[in-house]
Amino acid sequence: MKTGKVKFFNVSKGFGFIVEDDTNQDIFVHQSGLIHEIRENDRVSFEVKDGKKGLNAINVERI
């Protein structure tokens, strides 16, 4: 599992970005990949998979 911080999340549109701790890379997150609800600045753990436009965070949990 990777860890990071929620940079941005738009609840009404259902997507946002997480900044991964190790790489400082922005990773796209869609509400379908959430285990818990998230908000900006939440600390999260997640897994990464390849998506159509790059990396997607899945199994996202608040920590």
PDB file of N, CA and C in Angstrom:
ATOM      1  N   MET A   1       0.837  -1.191   0.000  1.00  0.00           N
ATOM      2  CA  MET A   1       0.000   0.000   0.000  1.00  0.00           C
ATOM      3  C   MET A   1       0.880   1.253   0.000  1.00  0.00           C
ATOM      4  N   LYS A   2       0.473   2.219  -0.782  1.00  0.00           N
ATOM      5  CA  LYS A   2       1.148   3.513  -0.815  1.00  0.00           C
ATOM      6  C   LYS A   2       0.402   4.471   0.112  1.00  0.00           C
ATOM      7  N   THR A   3       1.056   5.560   0.479  1.00  0.00           N
ATOM      8  CA  THR A   3       0.407   6.564   1.309  1.00  0.00           C
ATOM      9  C   THR A   3       0.558   7.925   0.653  1.00  0.00           C
ATOM     10  N   GLY A   4      -0.334   8.837   1.032  1.00  0.00           N
ATOM     11  CA  GLY A   4      -0.277  10.181   0.490  1.00  0.00           C
ATOM     12  C   GLY A   4      -1.288  11.088   1.143  1.00  0.00           C
ATOM     13  N   LYS A   5      -1.447  12.256   0.532  1.00  0.00           N
ATOM     14  CA  LYS A   5      -2.347  13.282   1.049  1.00  0.00           C
ATOM     15  C   LYS A   5      -3.273  13.717  -0.086  1.00  0.00           C
ATOM     16  N   VAL A   6      -4.546  13.891   0.229  1.00  0.00           N
ATOM     17  CA  VAL A   6      -5.515  14.328  -0.776  1.00  0.00           C
ATOM     18  C   VAL A   6      -5.236  15.794  -1.104  1.00  0.00           C
ATOM     19  N   LYS A   7      -4.881  16.047  -2.367  1.00  0.00           N
ATOM     20  CA  LYS A   7      -4.577  17.408  -2.825  1.00  0.00           C
ATOM     21  C   LYS A   7      -5.863  18.152  -3.149  1.00  0.00           C
ATOM     22  N   PHE A   8      -6.809  17.441  -3.767  1.00  0.00           N
ATOM     23  CA  PHE A   8      -8.048  18.037  -4.255  1.00  0.00           C
ATOM     24  C   PHE A   8      -9.070  16.917  -4.398  1.00  0.00           C
ATOM     25  N   PHE A   9     -10.315  17.166  -3.999  1.00  0.00           N
ATOM     26  CA  PHE A   9     -11.386  16.202  -4.281  1.00  0.00           C
ATOM     27  C   PHE A   9     -12.690  16.952  -4.420  1.00  0.00           C
ATOM     28  N   ASN A  10     -13.330  16.809  -5.592  1.00  0.00           N
ATOM     29  CA  ASN A  10     -14.607  17.446  -5.881  1.00  0.00           C
ATOM     30  C   ASN A  10     -15.703  16.417  -5.642  1.00  0.00           C
ATOM     31  N   VAL A  11     -16.445  16.568  -4.551  1.00  0.00           N
ATOM     32  CA  VAL A  11     -17.469  15.594  -4.176  1.00  0.00           C
ATOM     33  C   VAL A  11     -18.573  15.529  -5.223  1.00  0.00           C
ATOM     34  N   SER A  12     -18.999  16.683  -5.754  1.00  0.00           N
ATOM     35  CA  SER A  12     -20.115  16.689  -6.713  1.00  0.00           C
ATOM     36  C   SER A  12     -19.738  16.032  -8.038  1.00  0.00           C
ATOM     37  N   LYS A  13     -18.467  16.140  -8.445  1.00  0.00           N
ATOM     38  CA  LYS A  13     -18.026  15.498  -9.685  1.00  0.00           C
ATOM     39  C   LYS A  13     -17.444  14.108  -9.449  1.00  0.00           C
ATOM     40  N   GLY A  14     -17.071  13.808  -8.194  1.00  0.00           N
ATOM     41  CA  GLY A  14     -16.640  12.464  -7.835  1.00  0.00           C
ATOM     42  C   GLY A  14     -15.209  12.102  -8.203  1.00  0.00           C
ATOM     43  N   PHE A  15     -14.321  13.095  -8.275  1.00  0.00           N
ATOM     44  CA  PHE A  15     -12.925  12.777  -8.572  1.00  0.00           C
ATOM     45  C   PHE A  15     -11.997  13.795  -7.932  1.00  0.00           C
ATOM     46  N   GLY A  16     -10.709  13.459  -7.920  1.00  0.00           N
ATOM     47  CA  GLY A  16      -9.708  14.365  -7.383  1.00  0.00           C
ATOM     48  C   GLY A  16      -8.321  13.803  -7.591  1.00  0.00           C
ATOM     49  N   PHE A  17      -7.368  14.296  -6.776  1.00  0.00           N
ATOM     50  CA  PHE A  17      -5.977  13.874  -6.898  1.00  0.00           C
ATOM     51  C   PHE A  17      -5.368  13.671  -5.523  1.00  0.00           C
ATOM     52  N   ILE A  18      -4.495  12.677  -5.444  1.00  0.00           N
ATOM     53  CA  ILE A  18      -3.723  12.380  -4.241  1.00  0.00           C
ATOM     54  C   ILE A  18      -2.250  12.604  -4.587  1.00  0.00           C
ATOM     55  N   VAL A  19      -1.504  13.232  -3.680  1.00  0.00           N
ATOM     56  CA  VAL A  19      -0.057  13.379  -3.855  1.00  0.00           C
ATOM     57  C   VAL A  19       0.599  12.237  -3.095  1.00  0.00           C
ATOM     58  N   GLU A  20       1.288  11.365  -3.823  1.00  0.00           N
ATOM     59  CA  GLU A  20       1.954  10.218  -3.210  1.00  0.00           C
ATOM     60  C   GLU A  20       3.160  10.684  -2.403  1.00  0.00           C
ATOM     61  N   ASP A  21       3.310  10.130  -1.186  1.00  0.00           N
ATOM     62  CA  ASP A  21       4.400  10.545  -0.295  1.00  0.00           C
ATOM     63  C   ASP A  21       5.779  10.299  -0.899  1.00  0.00           C
ATOM     64  N   ASP A  22       6.022   9.122  -1.451  1.00  0.00           N
ATOM     65  CA  ASP A  22       7.368   8.749  -1.908  1.00  0.00           C
ATOM     66  C   ASP A  22       7.842   9.539  -3.127  1.00  0.00           C
ATOM     67  N   THR A  23       6.935   9.839  -4.046  1.00  0.00           N
ATOM     68  CA  THR A  23       7.333  10.428  -5.326  1.00  0.00           C
ATOM     69  C   THR A  23       6.848  11.870  -5.534  1.00  0.00           C
ATOM     70  N   ASN A  24       5.936  12.345  -4.676  1.00  0.00           N
ATOM     71  CA  ASN A  24       5.273  13.647  -4.855  1.00  0.00           C
ATOM     72  C   ASN A  24       4.503  13.712  -6.171  1.00  0.00           C
ATOM     73  N   GLN A  25       4.152  12.574  -6.721  1.00  0.00           N
ATOM     74  CA  GLN A  25       3.408  12.496  -7.978  1.00  0.00           C
ATOM     75  C   GLN A  25       1.909  12.632  -7.700  1.00  0.00           C
ATOM     76  N   ASP A  26       1.207  13.372  -8.561  1.00  0.00           N
ATOM     77  CA  ASP A  26      -0.256  13.457  -8.472  1.00  0.00           C
ATOM     78  C   ASP A  26      -0.857  12.199  -9.080  1.00  0.00           C
ATOM     79  N   ILE A  27      -1.753  11.559  -8.341  1.00  0.00           N
ATOM     80  CA  ILE A  27      -2.414  10.346  -8.820  1.00  0.00           C
ATOM     81  C   ILE A  27      -3.911  10.590  -8.813  1.00  0.00           C
ATOM     82  N   PHE A  28      -4.544  10.336  -9.930  1.00  0.00           N
ATOM     83  CA  PHE A  28      -5.986  10.537 -10.088  1.00  0.00           C
ATOM     84  C   PHE A  28      -6.751   9.568  -9.191  1.00  0.00           C
ATOM     85  N   VAL A  29      -7.827  10.051  -8.583  1.00  0.00           N
ATOM     86  CA  VAL A  29      -8.706   9.180  -7.792  1.00  0.00           C
ATOM     87  C   VAL A  29     -10.152   9.471  -8.179  1.00  0.00           C
ATOM     88  N   HIS A  30     -10.914   8.401  -8.430  1.00  0.00           N
ATOM     89  CA  HIS A  30     -12.337   8.501  -8.747  1.00  0.00           C
ATOM     90  C   HIS A  30     -13.110   7.927  -7.576  1.00  0.00           C
ATOM     91  N   GLN A  31     -14.325   8.422  -7.371  1.00  0.00           N
ATOM     92  CA  GLN A  31     -15.114   7.957  -6.224  1.00  0.00           C
ATOM     93  C   GLN A  31     -15.336   6.446  -6.228  1.00  0.00           C
ATOM     94  N   SER A  32     -15.284   5.820  -7.396  1.00  0.00           N
ATOM     95  CA  SER A  32     -15.459   4.359  -7.467  1.00  0.00           C
ATOM     96  C   SER A  32     -14.283   3.624  -6.827  1.00  0.00           C
ATOM     97  N   GLY A  33     -13.148   4.312  -6.616  1.00  0.00           N
ATOM     98  CA  GLY A  33     -11.978   3.700  -5.998  1.00  0.00           C
ATOM     99  C   GLY A  33     -11.879   3.935  -4.493  1.00  0.00           C
ATOM    100  N   LEU A  34     -12.913   4.559  -3.918  1.00  0.00           N
ATOM    101  CA  LEU A  34     -12.875   4.908  -2.495  1.00  0.00           C
ATOM    102  C   LEU A  34     -13.470   3.822  -1.617  1.00  0.00           C
ATOM    103  N   ILE A  35     -12.824   3.574  -0.485  1.00  0.00           N
ATOM    104  CA  ILE A  35     -13.407   2.739   0.566  1.00  0.00           C
ATOM    105  C   ILE A  35     -14.060   3.651   1.596  1.00  0.00           C
ATOM    106  N   HIS A  36     -13.393   4.771   1.933  1.00  0.00           N
ATOM    107  CA  HIS A  36     -13.933   5.797   2.830  1.00  0.00           C
ATOM    108  C   HIS A  36     -14.119   7.088   2.042  1.00  0.00           C
ATOM    109  N   GLU A  37     -15.041   7.940   2.515  1.00  0.00           N
ATOM    110  CA  GLU A  37     -15.137   9.276   1.932  1.00  0.00           C
ATOM    111  C   GLU A  37     -13.851  10.029   2.245  1.00  0.00           C
ATOM    112  N   ILE A  38     -13.424  10.880   1.324  1.00  0.00           N
ATOM    113  CA  ILE A  38     -12.201  11.658   1.537  1.00  0.00           C
ATOM    114  C   ILE A  38     -12.469  13.132   1.284  1.00  0.00           C
ATOM    115  N   ARG A  39     -11.620  13.961   1.895  1.00  0.00           N
ATOM    116  CA  ARG A  39     -11.657  15.410   1.697  1.00  0.00           C
ATOM    117  C   ARG A  39     -10.231  15.911   1.523  1.00  0.00           C
ATOM    118  N   GLU A  40     -10.091  17.131   1.057  1.00  0.00           N
ATOM    119  CA  GLU A  40      -8.768  17.719   0.884  1.00  0.00           C
ATOM    120  C   GLU A  40      -7.985  17.670   2.196  1.00  0.00           C
ATOM    121  N   ASN A  41      -6.713  17.371   2.085  1.00  0.00           N
ATOM    122  CA  ASN A  41      -5.756  17.283   3.194  1.00  0.00           C
ATOM    123  C   ASN A  41      -5.880  16.022   4.038  1.00  0.00           C
ATOM    124  N   ASP A  42      -6.803  15.105   3.725  1.00  0.00           N
ATOM    125  CA  ASP A  42      -6.864  13.821   4.427  1.00  0.00           C
ATOM    126  C   ASP A  42      -5.618  13.004   4.100  1.00  0.00           C
ATOM    127  N   ARG A  43      -5.086  12.274   5.087  1.00  0.00           N
ATOM    128  CA  ARG A  43      -4.008  11.308   4.862  1.00  0.00           C
ATOM    129  C   ARG A  43      -4.683  10.006   4.443  1.00  0.00           C
ATOM    130  N   VAL A  44      -4.157   9.365   3.403  1.00  0.00           N
ATOM    131  CA  VAL A  44      -4.790   8.162   2.869  1.00  0.00           C
ATOM    132  C   VAL A  44      -3.757   7.089   2.536  1.00  0.00           C
ATOM    133  N   SER A  45      -4.218   5.853   2.514  1.00  0.00           N
ATOM    134  CA  SER A  45      -3.442   4.749   1.948  1.00  0.00           C
ATOM    135  C   SER A  45      -4.219   4.256   0.735  1.00  0.00           C
ATOM    136  N   PHE A  46      -3.499   3.715  -0.245  1.00  0.00           N
ATOM    137  CA  PHE A  46      -4.145   3.338  -1.497  1.00  0.00           C
ATOM    138  C   PHE A  46      -3.253   2.411  -2.297  1.00  0.00           C
ATOM    139  N   GLU A  47      -3.865   1.786  -3.302  1.00  0.00           N
ATOM    140  CA  GLU A  47      -3.121   1.017  -4.293  1.00  0.00           C
ATOM    141  C   GLU A  47      -3.214   1.769  -5.610  1.00  0.00           C
ATOM    142  N   VAL A  48      -2.351   1.422  -6.549  1.00  0.00           N
ATOM    143  CA  VAL A  48      -2.304   2.116  -7.834  1.00  0.00           C
ATOM    144  C   VAL A  48      -2.504   1.117  -8.959  1.00  0.00           C
ATOM    145  N   LYS A  49      -3.293   1.520  -9.961  1.00  0.00           N
ATOM    146  CA  LYS A  49      -3.419   0.707 -11.178  1.00  0.00           C
ATOM    147  C   LYS A  49      -3.353   1.628 -12.382  1.00  0.00           C
ATOM    148  N   ASP A  50      -2.993   1.065 -13.519  1.00  0.00           N
ATOM    149  CA  ASP A  50      -2.947   1.840 -14.757  1.00  0.00           C
ATOM    150  C   ASP A  50      -4.358   2.112 -15.241  1.00  0.00           C
ATOM    151  N   GLY A  51      -4.607   3.367 -15.608  1.00  0.00           N
ATOM    152  CA  GLY A  51      -5.894   3.750 -16.174  1.00  0.00           C
ATOM    153  C   GLY A  51      -5.698   4.219 -17.604  1.00  0.00           C
ATOM    154  N   LYS A  52      -6.773   4.711 -18.207  1.00  0.00           N
ATOM    155  CA  LYS A  52      -6.714   5.158 -19.601  1.00  0.00           C
ATOM    156  C   LYS A  52      -5.764   6.339 -19.792  1.00  0.00           C
ATOM    157  N   LYS A  53      -5.677   7.218 -18.783  1.00  0.00           N
ATOM    158  CA  LYS A  53      -4.867   8.430 -18.924  1.00  0.00           C
ATOM    159  C   LYS A  53      -3.730   8.490 -17.915  1.00  0.00           C
ATOM    160  N   GLY A  54      -3.346   7.352 -17.361  1.00  0.00           N
ATOM    161  CA  GLY A  54      -2.262   7.352 -16.378  1.00  0.00           C
ATOM    162  C   GLY A  54      -2.627   6.524 -15.162  1.00  0.00           C
ATOM    163  N   LEU A  55      -1.972   6.811 -14.045  1.00  0.00           N
ATOM    164  CA  LEU A  55      -2.188   6.031 -12.832  1.00  0.00           C
ATOM    165  C   LEU A  55      -3.468   6.456 -12.118  1.00  0.00           C
ATOM    166  N   ASN A  56      -4.178   5.470 -11.573  1.00  0.00           N
ATOM    167  CA  ASN A  56      -5.388   5.704 -10.785  1.00  0.00           C
ATOM    168  C   ASN A  56      -5.207   5.106  -9.406  1.00  0.00           C
ATOM    169  N   ALA A  57      -5.662   5.829  -8.386  1.00  0.00           N
ATOM    170  CA  ALA A  57      -5.653   5.305  -7.021  1.00  0.00           C
ATOM    171  C   ALA A  57      -6.924   4.480  -6.806  1.00  0.00           C
ATOM    172  N   ILE A  58      -6.756   3.294  -6.222  1.00  0.00           N
ATOM    173  CA  ILE A  58      -7.898   2.436  -5.888  1.00  0.00           C
ATOM    174  C   ILE A  58      -7.769   1.982  -4.430  1.00  0.00           C
ATOM    175  N   ASN A  59      -8.855   1.441  -3.897  1.00  0.00           N
ATOM    176  CA  ASN A  59      -8.887   0.975  -2.493  1.00  0.00           C
ATOM    177  C   ASN A  59      -8.369   2.057  -1.544  1.00  0.00           C
ATOM    178  N   VAL A  60      -8.882   3.275  -1.740  1.00  0.00           N
ATOM    179  CA  VAL A  60      -8.424   4.445  -0.968  1.00  0.00           C
ATOM    180  C   VAL A  60      -9.093   4.461   0.401  1.00  0.00           C
ATOM    181  N   GLU A  61      -8.264   4.496   1.460  1.00  0.00           N
ATOM    182  CA  GLU A  61      -8.750   4.539   2.838  1.00  0.00           C
ATOM    183  C   GLU A  61      -8.102   5.691   3.587  1.00  0.00           C
ATOM    184  N   ARG A  62      -8.882   6.360   4.445  1.00  0.00           N
ATOM    185  CA  ARG A  62      -8.301   7.371   5.330  1.00  0.00           C
ATOM    186  C   ARG A  62      -7.450   6.701   6.388  1.00  0.00           C
ATOM    187  N   ILE A  63      -6.353   7.335   6.759  1.00  0.00           N
ATOM    188  CA  ILE A  63      -5.496   6.794   7.838  1.00  0.00           C
ATOM    189  C   ILE A  63      -5.268   7.843   8.915  1.00  0.00           C
TER     190      ILE A  63
END
